[in-house]
Amino acid sequence: MKTPHDDKLIRCPKLGDEMTFAYCLCEGGHLPCVRIIRCWSPVFDIESFLKGHLSEKSWLKFINTRAPDKMTNLIELIEAAKAKK
């Protein structure tokens, strides 16, 4: 989907570099990145934008897919590192 925000840039905390809004919309395959609301809400009303551009089914699937919190993510990284040893 083409939007007026596609070329806007923001620093991606997940990738550690600047990414376009267009990338964030498709990072999750057919769904936006799970962090899109957290990252883009200071720039514009991203939640209303997504509700208007996603189908109801896609919106419900998106809001039920949550990014892991930092503690969960850290624990998973530690467990993965232990498994490699």
Protein backbone atom coordinates (compact mmCIF):
# COMPACT_ATOMS: atom_id res chain seq x y z
CA MET A 1 0.00 0.00 0.00
CA LYS A 2 1.34 3.43 -0.94
CA THR A 3 1.03 6.12 1.73
CA PRO A 4 2.11 9.76 2.12
CA HIS A 5 4.39 8.68 4.98
CA ASP A 6 6.38 6.05 3.05
CA ASP A 7 9.59 8.07 2.74
CA LYS A 8 9.70 9.31 6.35
CA LEU A 9 12.70 8.01 8.29
CA ILE A 10 13.03 6.98 11.92
CA ARG A 11 15.72 5.14 13.86
CA CYS A 12 14.74 1.50 14.24
CA PRO A 13 15.54 0.16 17.72
CA LYS A 14 15.27 -3.38 16.39
CA LEU A 15 17.76 -2.97 13.53
CA GLY A 16 19.84 -0.09 14.88
CA ASP A 17 19.65 2.09 11.76
CA GLU A 18 17.25 4.46 10.05
CA MET A 19 14.32 2.81 8.29
CA THR A 20 11.49 4.20 6.22
CA PHE A 21 7.87 4.04 7.27
CA ALA A 22 7.25 1.89 4.18
CA TYR A 23 9.66 -0.72 5.56
CA CYS A 24 7.93 -0.69 8.96
CA LEU A 25 4.58 -1.34 7.27
CA CYS A 26 5.80 -4.57 5.68
CA GLU A 27 8.54 -5.72 8.10
CA GLY A 28 6.24 -8.36 9.54
CA GLY A 29 5.39 -9.83 6.13
CA HIS A 30 1.74 -9.02 5.54
CA LEU A 31 1.56 -7.13 8.83
CA PRO A 32 3.46 -4.10 10.11
CA CYS A 33 6.36 -4.44 12.52
CA VAL A 34 5.12 -5.24 16.02
CA ARG A 35 6.86 -2.06 17.27
CA ILE A 36 5.39 0.34 14.70
CA ILE A 37 2.99 2.02 17.12
CA ARG A 38 5.67 2.53 19.77
CA CYS A 39 8.14 3.94 17.24
CA TRP A 40 5.89 6.13 15.08
CA SER A 41 3.35 7.48 17.60
CA PRO A 42 5.51 10.58 18.38
CA VAL A 43 5.51 11.41 14.64
CA PHE A 44 1.81 11.04 13.79
CA ASP A 45 -1.36 9.20 14.84
CA ILE A 46 -0.15 5.79 13.69
CA GLU A 47 -2.86 3.81 15.45
CA SER A 48 -5.65 5.62 13.57
CA PHE A 49 -3.66 5.29 10.36
CA LEU A 50 -3.31 1.52 10.77
CA LYS A 51 -6.98 1.07 11.71
CA GLY A 52 -7.90 2.91 8.51
CA HIS A 53 -5.51 1.01 6.26
CA LEU A 54 -5.62 -2.56 7.59
CA SER A 55 -8.57 -4.88 7.21
CA GLU A 56 -10.39 -5.69 10.43
CA LYS A 57 -8.93 -9.21 10.34
CA SER A 58 -5.38 -7.87 9.82
CA TRP A 59 -5.83 -5.25 12.55
CA LEU A 60 -6.98 -7.88 15.07
CA LYS A 61 -4.10 -10.17 14.14
CA PHE A 62 -1.66 -7.25 14.43
CA ILE A 63 -2.81 -6.10 17.88
CA ASN A 64 -2.70 -9.66 19.17
CA THR A 65 0.94 -10.00 18.03
CA ARG A 66 2.94 -8.22 20.67
CA ALA A 67 6.63 -7.44 20.78
CA PRO A 68 8.35 -9.17 23.68
CA ASP A 69 9.21 -6.84 26.53
CA LYS A 70 12.89 -6.18 27.23
CA MET A 71 13.12 -8.64 30.11
CA THR A 72 11.62 -11.49 28.09
CA ASN A 73 13.88 -10.65 25.17
CA LEU A 74 16.95 -10.61 27.42
CA ILE A 75 16.07 -13.97 28.98
CA GLU A 76 15.60 -15.50 25.52
CA LEU A 77 18.99 -14.15 24.40
CA ILE A 78 20.70 -15.60 27.48
CA GLU A 79 19.05 -18.99 26.97
CA ALA A 80 20.08 -18.99 23.30
CA ALA A 81 23.68 -18.17 24.27
CA LYS A 82 23.72 -20.97 26.85
CA ALA A 83 22.38 -23.44 24.28
CA LYS A 84 25.27 -22.60 21.91
CA LYS A 85 27.87 -23.60 24.52
